[in-house]
Amino acid sequence: MKTLIAYLSYSGNTMETADIMADYLETDGVIVDLHRIGIDPPVDASAYDLIFIGTFTWDMGATPDEVKDFVLEVGYKPDNVAIFGTGETQFGGDDLFCLAVNKLVTFYQSRWSGLKVEQSPRGSQENIVKNWLEGVLHDVKSLT
């Protein structure tokens, strides 16, 4: 299986989550390409069996412009997209926490619920990341 983990990270939390995901997937024998949204050259989304898009939530619940540009750059809505993100409940409470994740899950009509990480994925949240990945992988493997 070949996967793409495309992410945008300013503080490093979303990048750290992407790195944990990549390490876990590679240990499971999955081929992983990491893509830094807004930095790396465009990708061919059709080359991947599974695409993860990672973002943070910006400005009172908004999806960052770079992530929107990435979506437009892909040019179509793949049906194999899973969304993850990092956020902080201290900025806007539960209503705005990782709202960009919700928006992207809805946009892509993703079959998987979005992964939401409070700030950094360290500690017990690393298990949340791994459990979410196991669920996505189990789903994908049962579809093939």
N, C-alpha and C. Protein backbone atom coordinates (compact mmCIF):
# COMPACT_ATOMS: atom_id res chain seq x y z
N MET A 1 0.84 -1.17 0.00
CA MET A 1 0.00 0.00 0.00
C MET A 1 0.89 1.24 0.00
N LYS A 2 0.51 2.22 -0.80
CA LYS A 2 1.26 3.46 -0.89
C LYS A 2 0.40 4.60 -0.36
N THR A 3 0.95 5.35 0.61
CA THR A 3 0.19 6.43 1.22
C THR A 3 0.92 7.76 1.11
N LEU A 4 0.11 8.80 1.14
CA LEU A 4 0.62 10.17 1.18
C LEU A 4 0.16 10.79 2.48
N ILE A 5 1.08 11.40 3.20
CA ILE A 5 0.72 12.20 4.36
C ILE A 5 1.10 13.64 4.00
N ALA A 6 0.09 14.42 3.66
CA ALA A 6 0.28 15.84 3.32
C ALA A 6 -0.15 16.65 4.53
N TYR A 7 0.69 17.58 4.96
CA TYR A 7 0.35 18.32 6.17
C TYR A 7 0.88 19.76 6.10
N LEU A 8 0.22 20.62 6.87
CA LEU A 8 0.66 21.99 7.09
C LEU A 8 0.90 22.16 8.57
N SER A 9 2.05 22.70 8.92
CA SER A 9 2.38 22.87 10.33
C SER A 9 3.16 24.15 10.52
N TYR A 10 2.70 24.99 11.42
CA TYR A 10 3.45 26.20 11.80
C TYR A 10 4.20 25.97 13.11
N SER A 11 3.52 25.41 14.11
CA SER A 11 4.11 25.25 15.44
C SER A 11 4.92 23.97 15.56
N GLY A 12 4.72 23.05 14.64
CA GLY A 12 5.41 21.77 14.69
C GLY A 12 4.53 20.63 15.18
N ASN A 13 3.37 20.93 15.76
CA ASN A 13 2.50 19.87 16.29
C ASN A 13 1.93 18.98 15.19
N THR A 14 1.47 19.57 14.10
CA THR A 14 0.91 18.77 13.01
C THR A 14 2.01 17.96 12.33
N MET A 15 3.19 18.55 12.20
CA MET A 15 4.33 17.82 11.64
C MET A 15 4.71 16.64 12.53
N GLU A 16 4.69 16.86 13.83
CA GLU A 16 5.03 15.78 14.77
C GLU A 16 4.01 14.65 14.65
N THR A 17 2.74 15.00 14.50
CA THR A 17 1.70 13.98 14.32
C THR A 17 1.94 13.22 13.02
N ALA A 18 2.27 13.94 11.95
CA ALA A 18 2.55 13.30 10.65
C ALA A 18 3.74 12.35 10.77
N ASP A 19 4.76 12.76 11.49
CA ASP A 19 5.94 11.90 11.67
C ASP A 19 5.60 10.63 12.44
N ILE A 20 4.80 10.75 13.49
CA ILE A 20 4.38 9.57 14.25
C ILE A 20 3.59 8.63 13.35
N MET A 21 2.70 9.21 12.54
CA MET A 21 1.91 8.40 11.62
C MET A 21 2.81 7.69 10.62
N ALA A 22 3.77 8.41 10.05
CA ALA A 22 4.67 7.82 9.06
C ALA A 22 5.46 6.66 9.67
N ASP A 23 6.00 6.87 10.86
CA ASP A 23 6.77 5.81 11.53
C ASP A 23 5.90 4.57 11.77
N TYR A 24 4.69 4.78 12.24
CA TYR A 24 3.78 3.68 12.52
C TYR A 24 3.43 2.93 11.24
N LEU A 25 3.08 3.67 10.19
CA LEU A 25 2.70 3.05 8.93
C LEU A 25 3.86 2.27 8.31
N GLU A 26 5.05 2.85 8.34
CA GLU A 26 6.22 2.18 7.77
C GLU A 26 6.53 0.89 8.53
N THR A 27 6.33 0.90 9.85
CA THR A 27 6.53 -0.31 10.65
C THR A 27 5.55 -1.40 10.22
N ASP A 28 4.37 -0.98 9.74
CA ASP A 28 3.34 -1.91 9.28
C ASP A 28 3.56 -2.30 7.81
N GLY A 29 4.67 -1.86 7.20
CA GLY A 29 4.99 -2.23 5.83
C GLY A 29 4.37 -1.33 4.77
N VAL A 30 3.82 -0.22 5.17
CA VAL A 30 3.19 0.71 4.23
C VAL A 30 4.26 1.67 3.69
N ILE A 31 4.20 1.94 2.39
CA ILE A 31 5.09 2.93 1.77
C ILE A 31 4.49 4.30 2.04
N VAL A 32 5.29 5.21 2.58
CA VAL A 32 4.80 6.53 2.98
C VAL A 32 5.61 7.63 2.31
N ASP A 33 4.90 8.58 1.70
CA ASP A 33 5.51 9.82 1.22
C ASP A 33 4.98 10.96 2.08
N LEU A 34 5.88 11.72 2.68
CA LEU A 34 5.49 12.91 3.44
C LEU A 34 5.53 14.11 2.50
N HIS A 35 4.53 14.96 2.61
CA HIS A 35 4.43 16.15 1.75
C HIS A 35 4.13 17.35 2.63
N ARG A 36 5.03 18.33 2.61
CA ARG A 36 4.82 19.56 3.38
C ARG A 36 4.03 20.53 2.51
N ILE A 37 2.78 20.72 2.87
CA ILE A 37 1.90 21.61 2.11
C ILE A 37 2.48 23.02 2.11
N GLY A 38 2.50 23.61 0.92
CA GLY A 38 3.01 24.97 0.78
C GLY A 38 4.51 25.05 0.62
N ILE A 39 5.20 23.92 0.74
CA ILE A 39 6.67 23.91 0.62
C ILE A 39 7.11 22.97 -0.50
N ASP A 40 6.63 21.74 -0.46
CA ASP A 40 7.04 20.74 -1.44
C ASP A 40 6.30 20.92 -2.76
N PRO A 41 6.90 20.44 -3.87
CA PRO A 41 6.22 20.54 -5.17
C PRO A 41 4.92 19.74 -5.21
N PRO A 42 4.03 20.05 -6.14
CA PRO A 42 2.74 19.35 -6.23
C PRO A 42 2.92 17.84 -6.35
N VAL A 43 1.88 17.12 -5.92
CA VAL A 43 1.89 15.65 -5.97
C VAL A 43 0.78 15.17 -6.89
N ASP A 44 0.92 13.94 -7.34
CA ASP A 44 -0.12 13.27 -8.12
C ASP A 44 -0.91 12.39 -7.16
N ALA A 45 -2.06 12.89 -6.71
CA ALA A 45 -2.86 12.19 -5.71
C ALA A 45 -3.31 10.81 -6.20
N SER A 46 -3.45 10.65 -7.50
CA SER A 46 -3.94 9.37 -8.03
C SER A 46 -2.92 8.24 -7.85
N ALA A 47 -1.69 8.57 -7.48
CA ALA A 47 -0.65 7.56 -7.29
C ALA A 47 -0.72 6.87 -5.92
N TYR A 48 -1.70 7.28 -5.08
CA TYR A 48 -1.74 6.78 -3.70
C TYR A 48 -3.01 5.99 -3.41
N ASP A 49 -2.83 4.92 -2.64
CA ASP A 49 -3.96 4.11 -2.19
C ASP A 49 -4.72 4.79 -1.06
N LEU A 50 -4.01 5.63 -0.30
CA LEU A 50 -4.59 6.31 0.84
C LEU A 50 -3.89 7.65 1.01
N ILE A 51 -4.68 8.68 1.27
CA ILE A 51 -4.15 10.03 1.44
C ILE A 51 -4.59 10.55 2.81
N PHE A 52 -3.62 11.00 3.58
CA PHE A 52 -3.89 11.68 4.85
C PHE A 52 -3.60 13.15 4.65
N ILE A 53 -4.52 14.00 5.09
CA ILE A 53 -4.29 15.45 5.04
C ILE A 53 -4.33 15.96 6.47
N GLY A 54 -3.26 16.64 6.86
CA GLY A 54 -3.15 17.18 8.21
C GLY A 54 -3.12 18.69 8.22
N THR A 55 -3.83 19.26 9.17
CA THR A 55 -3.92 20.71 9.26
C THR A 55 -4.08 21.14 10.72
N PHE A 56 -3.91 22.40 10.94
CA PHE A 56 -4.31 23.00 12.19
C PHE A 56 -5.52 23.86 11.88
N THR A 57 -6.17 24.38 12.90
CA THR A 57 -7.31 25.28 12.69
C THR A 57 -6.85 26.69 12.98
N TRP A 58 -7.27 27.59 12.15
CA TRP A 58 -6.75 28.94 12.11
C TRP A 58 -7.86 29.95 12.33
N ASP A 59 -7.58 31.07 12.92
CA ASP A 59 -8.45 32.24 12.92
C ASP A 59 -9.92 31.92 13.16
N MET A 60 -10.24 31.54 14.37
CA MET A 60 -11.63 31.30 14.79
C MET A 60 -12.32 30.20 13.98
N GLY A 61 -11.60 29.12 13.70
CA GLY A 61 -12.21 27.95 13.08
C GLY A 61 -11.95 27.78 11.59
N ALA A 62 -11.11 28.60 11.02
CA ALA A 62 -10.86 28.55 9.57
C ALA A 62 -9.82 27.49 9.20
N THR A 63 -9.97 26.98 7.98
CA THR A 63 -8.96 26.12 7.39
C THR A 63 -7.89 27.03 6.78
N PRO A 64 -6.61 26.79 7.05
CA PRO A 64 -5.55 27.66 6.50
C PRO A 64 -5.58 27.70 4.96
N ASP A 65 -5.25 28.85 4.41
CA ASP A 65 -5.26 29.04 2.96
C ASP A 65 -4.36 28.05 2.23
N GLU A 66 -3.22 27.71 2.83
CA GLU A 66 -2.31 26.76 2.18
C GLU A 66 -2.97 25.39 1.99
N VAL A 67 -3.78 24.99 2.95
CA VAL A 67 -4.48 23.71 2.84
C VAL A 67 -5.54 23.80 1.75
N LYS A 68 -6.25 24.92 1.70
CA LYS A 68 -7.23 25.12 0.63
C LYS A 68 -6.54 25.09 -0.73
N ASP A 69 -5.36 25.71 -0.82
CA ASP A 69 -4.60 25.69 -2.09
C ASP A 69 -4.20 24.27 -2.46
N PHE A 70 -3.82 23.46 -1.46
CA PHE A 70 -3.46 22.07 -1.72
C PHE A 70 -4.66 21.31 -2.29
N VAL A 71 -5.82 21.52 -1.70
CA VAL A 71 -7.04 20.86 -2.17
C VAL A 71 -7.29 21.23 -3.64
N LEU A 72 -7.15 22.50 -3.97
CA LEU A 72 -7.33 22.94 -5.36
C LEU A 72 -6.25 22.38 -6.27
N GLU A 73 -5.04 22.29 -5.76
CA GLU A 73 -3.91 21.75 -6.52
C GLU A 73 -4.14 20.29 -6.92
N VAL A 74 -4.74 19.51 -6.01
CA VAL A 74 -5.05 18.11 -6.32
C VAL A 74 -6.03 18.06 -7.48
N GLY A 75 -7.01 18.96 -7.48
CA GLY A 75 -7.88 19.13 -8.64
C GLY A 75 -9.14 18.28 -8.67
N TYR A 76 -9.27 17.35 -7.75
CA TYR A 76 -10.49 16.54 -7.67
C TYR A 76 -10.60 16.04 -6.23
N LYS A 77 -11.73 15.40 -5.91
CA LYS A 77 -11.94 14.89 -4.56
C LYS A 77 -11.72 13.38 -4.53
N PRO A 78 -10.51 12.95 -4.18
CA PRO A 78 -10.28 11.51 -4.05
C PRO A 78 -11.19 10.93 -2.97
N ASP A 79 -11.55 9.67 -3.12
CA ASP A 79 -12.42 9.04 -2.12
C ASP A 79 -11.64 8.26 -1.07
N ASN A 80 -10.33 8.45 -1.06
CA ASN A 80 -9.48 7.71 -0.13
C ASN A 80 -8.73 8.65 0.82
N VAL A 81 -9.42 9.70 1.29
CA VAL A 81 -8.78 10.73 2.11
C VAL A 81 -9.23 10.61 3.56
N ALA A 82 -8.25 10.61 4.46
CA ALA A 82 -8.49 10.65 5.90
C ALA A 82 -7.85 11.94 6.43
N ILE A 83 -8.52 12.59 7.36
CA ILE A 83 -8.10 13.91 7.83
C ILE A 83 -7.64 13.84 9.29
N PHE A 84 -6.55 14.55 9.58
CA PHE A 84 -6.09 14.69 10.96
C PHE A 84 -5.69 16.13 11.21
N GLY A 85 -5.70 16.51 12.47
CA GLY A 85 -5.32 17.88 12.79
C GLY A 85 -4.98 18.07 14.24
N THR A 86 -4.34 19.20 14.49
CA THR A 86 -3.99 19.58 15.85
C THR A 86 -4.65 20.91 16.16
N GLY A 87 -4.89 21.13 17.43
CA GLY A 87 -5.52 22.37 17.85
C GLY A 87 -5.38 22.56 19.35
N GLU A 88 -6.01 23.61 19.82
CA GLU A 88 -5.97 23.93 21.25
C GLU A 88 -7.34 24.39 21.69
N THR A 89 -7.91 23.71 22.67
CA THR A 89 -9.22 24.10 23.16
C THR A 89 -9.17 25.44 23.88
N GLN A 90 -7.98 25.88 24.31
CA GLN A 90 -7.89 27.17 24.99
C GLN A 90 -8.21 28.34 24.06
N PHE A 91 -8.15 28.12 22.75
CA PHE A 91 -8.51 29.15 21.78
C PHE A 91 -9.86 28.82 21.15
N GLY A 92 -10.93 29.24 21.79
CA GLY A 92 -12.26 29.05 21.22
C GLY A 92 -13.04 27.90 21.79
N GLY A 93 -12.46 27.15 22.72
CA GLY A 93 -13.19 26.07 23.36
C GLY A 93 -13.49 24.91 22.42
N ASP A 94 -14.40 24.06 22.85
CA ASP A 94 -14.74 22.86 22.09
C ASP A 94 -15.38 23.16 20.75
N ASP A 95 -16.11 24.27 20.65
CA ASP A 95 -16.80 24.60 19.40
C ASP A 95 -15.85 24.83 18.23
N LEU A 96 -14.68 25.38 18.52
CA LEU A 96 -13.73 25.69 17.45
C LEU A 96 -12.56 24.71 17.39
N PHE A 97 -12.47 23.81 18.37
CA PHE A 97 -11.34 22.88 18.44
C PHE A 97 -11.27 22.03 17.17
N CYS A 98 -10.19 22.17 16.44
CA CYS A 98 -9.92 21.39 15.23
C CYS A 98 -11.09 21.47 14.24
N LEU A 99 -11.73 22.62 14.15
CA LEU A 99 -12.86 22.78 13.25
C LEU A 99 -12.46 22.56 11.79
N ALA A 100 -11.22 22.88 11.43
CA ALA A 100 -10.75 22.63 10.06
C ALA A 100 -10.81 21.14 9.73
N VAL A 101 -10.57 20.29 10.71
CA VAL A 101 -10.68 18.84 10.50
C VAL A 101 -12.11 18.48 10.11
N ASN A 102 -13.07 18.99 10.88
CA ASN A 102 -14.48 18.72 10.57
C ASN A 102 -14.84 19.19 9.17
N LYS A 103 -14.38 20.37 8.81
CA LYS A 103 -14.70 20.94 7.49
C LYS A 103 -14.14 20.07 6.37
N LEU A 104 -12.91 19.60 6.53
CA LEU A 104 -12.30 18.77 5.49
C LEU A 104 -12.93 17.38 5.43
N VAL A 105 -13.29 16.81 6.57
CA VAL A 105 -13.98 15.51 6.58
C VAL A 105 -15.28 15.64 5.79
N THR A 106 -16.01 16.72 6.03
CA THR A 106 -17.28 16.95 5.32
C THR A 106 -17.03 17.19 3.83
N PHE A 107 -16.05 18.01 3.51
CA PHE A 107 -15.74 18.33 2.11
C PHE A 107 -15.43 17.06 1.32
N TYR A 108 -14.57 16.22 1.88
CA TYR A 108 -14.18 14.99 1.19
C TYR A 108 -15.17 13.85 1.37
N GLN A 109 -16.17 14.06 2.21
CA GLN A 109 -17.11 12.99 2.56
C GLN A 109 -16.32 11.74 2.96
N SER A 110 -15.32 11.98 3.81
CA SER A 110 -14.42 10.91 4.24
C SER A 110 -15.19 9.83 4.98
N ARG A 111 -14.84 8.59 4.72
CA ARG A 111 -15.49 7.47 5.42
C ARG A 111 -14.96 7.33 6.83
N TRP A 112 -13.91 8.08 7.17
CA TRP A 112 -13.30 8.01 8.50
C TRP A 112 -13.54 9.31 9.25
N SER A 113 -13.80 9.19 10.54
CA SER A 113 -13.89 10.39 11.36
C SER A 113 -12.49 11.01 11.42
N GLY A 114 -12.45 12.31 11.60
CA GLY A 114 -11.16 12.99 11.67
C GLY A 114 -10.47 12.76 13.00
N LEU A 115 -9.15 12.73 12.94
CA LEU A 115 -8.34 12.63 14.15
C LEU A 115 -8.05 14.04 14.65
N LYS A 116 -8.35 14.29 15.92
CA LYS A 116 -8.10 15.60 16.53
C LYS A 116 -7.15 15.44 17.71
N VAL A 117 -6.05 16.17 17.64
CA VAL A 117 -5.02 16.09 18.67
C VAL A 117 -4.93 17.43 19.38
N GLU A 118 -5.00 17.41 20.71
CA GLU A 118 -4.84 18.62 21.52
C GLU A 118 -3.36 18.94 21.61
N GLN A 119 -2.97 20.04 20.96
CA GLN A 119 -1.59 20.52 20.91
C GLN A 119 -0.65 19.45 20.33
N SER A 120 0.25 18.93 21.16
CA SER A 120 1.25 17.96 20.70
C SER A 120 0.75 16.53 20.85
N PRO A 121 1.14 15.63 19.94
CA PRO A 121 0.70 14.24 20.05
C PRO A 121 1.50 13.40 21.04
N ARG A 122 2.29 14.04 21.88
CA ARG A 122 3.12 13.27 22.82
C ARG A 122 2.29 12.66 23.94
N GLY A 123 2.90 11.71 24.61
CA GLY A 123 2.25 11.08 25.76
C GLY A 123 1.09 10.20 25.36
N SER A 124 0.00 10.28 26.10
CA SER A 124 -1.15 9.41 25.86
C SER A 124 -1.79 9.68 24.50
N GLN A 125 -1.60 10.88 23.97
CA GLN A 125 -2.19 11.19 22.67
C GLN A 125 -1.53 10.41 21.53
N GLU A 126 -0.29 9.99 21.74
CA GLU A 126 0.36 9.16 20.72
C GLU A 126 -0.43 7.87 20.51
N ASN A 127 -0.99 7.32 21.58
CA ASN A 127 -1.83 6.12 21.46
C ASN A 127 -3.12 6.42 20.71
N ILE A 128 -3.66 7.61 20.89
CA ILE A 128 -4.87 8.01 20.15
C ILE A 128 -4.57 8.03 18.65
N VAL A 129 -3.40 8.57 18.30
CA VAL A 129 -2.99 8.61 16.89
C VAL A 129 -2.88 7.18 16.34
N LYS A 130 -2.19 6.32 17.06
CA LYS A 130 -2.00 4.94 16.60
C LYS A 130 -3.31 4.17 16.50
N ASN A 131 -4.20 4.35 17.47
CA ASN A 131 -5.49 3.66 17.43
C ASN A 131 -6.32 4.13 16.23
N TRP A 132 -6.29 5.42 15.95
CA TRP A 132 -7.02 5.96 14.80
C TRP A 132 -6.45 5.37 13.50
N LEU A 133 -5.13 5.34 13.41
CA LEU A 133 -4.48 4.76 12.23
C LEU A 133 -4.85 3.29 12.05
N GLU A 134 -4.85 2.54 13.13
CA GLU A 134 -5.23 1.13 13.05
C GLU A 134 -6.63 0.97 12.49
N GLY A 135 -7.54 1.84 12.91
CA GLY A 135 -8.90 1.79 12.40
C GLY A 135 -8.98 2.09 10.92
N VAL A 136 -8.25 3.12 10.49
CA VAL A 136 -8.23 3.47 9.06
C VAL A 136 -7.62 2.33 8.26
N LEU A 137 -6.49 1.82 8.70
CA LEU A 137 -5.82 0.73 7.97
C LEU A 137 -6.68 -0.52 7.92
N HIS A 138 -7.34 -0.86 9.00
CA HIS A 138 -8.21 -2.02 9.02
C HIS A 138 -9.32 -1.86 7.97
N ASP A 139 -9.89 -0.66 7.92
CA ASP A 139 -10.93 -0.36 6.94
C ASP A 139 -10.42 -0.51 5.50
N VAL A 140 -9.25 0.06 5.25
CA VAL A 140 -8.69 0.03 3.89
C VAL A 140 -8.39 -1.40 3.49
N LYS A 141 -7.79 -2.16 4.39
CA LYS A 141 -7.44 -3.56 4.07
C LYS A 141 -8.69 -4.40 3.84
N SER A 142 -9.77 -4.10 4.53
CA SER A 142 -11.00 -4.88 4.34
C SER A 142 -11.69 -4.52 3.03
N LEU A 143 -11.36 -3.35 2.48
CA LEU A 143 -11.95 -2.93 1.20
C LEU A 143 -11.22 -3.52 0.01
N THR A 144 -9.98 -3.98 0.22
CA THR A 144 -9.19 -4.50 -0.90
C THR A 144 -9.23 -6.00 -1.00
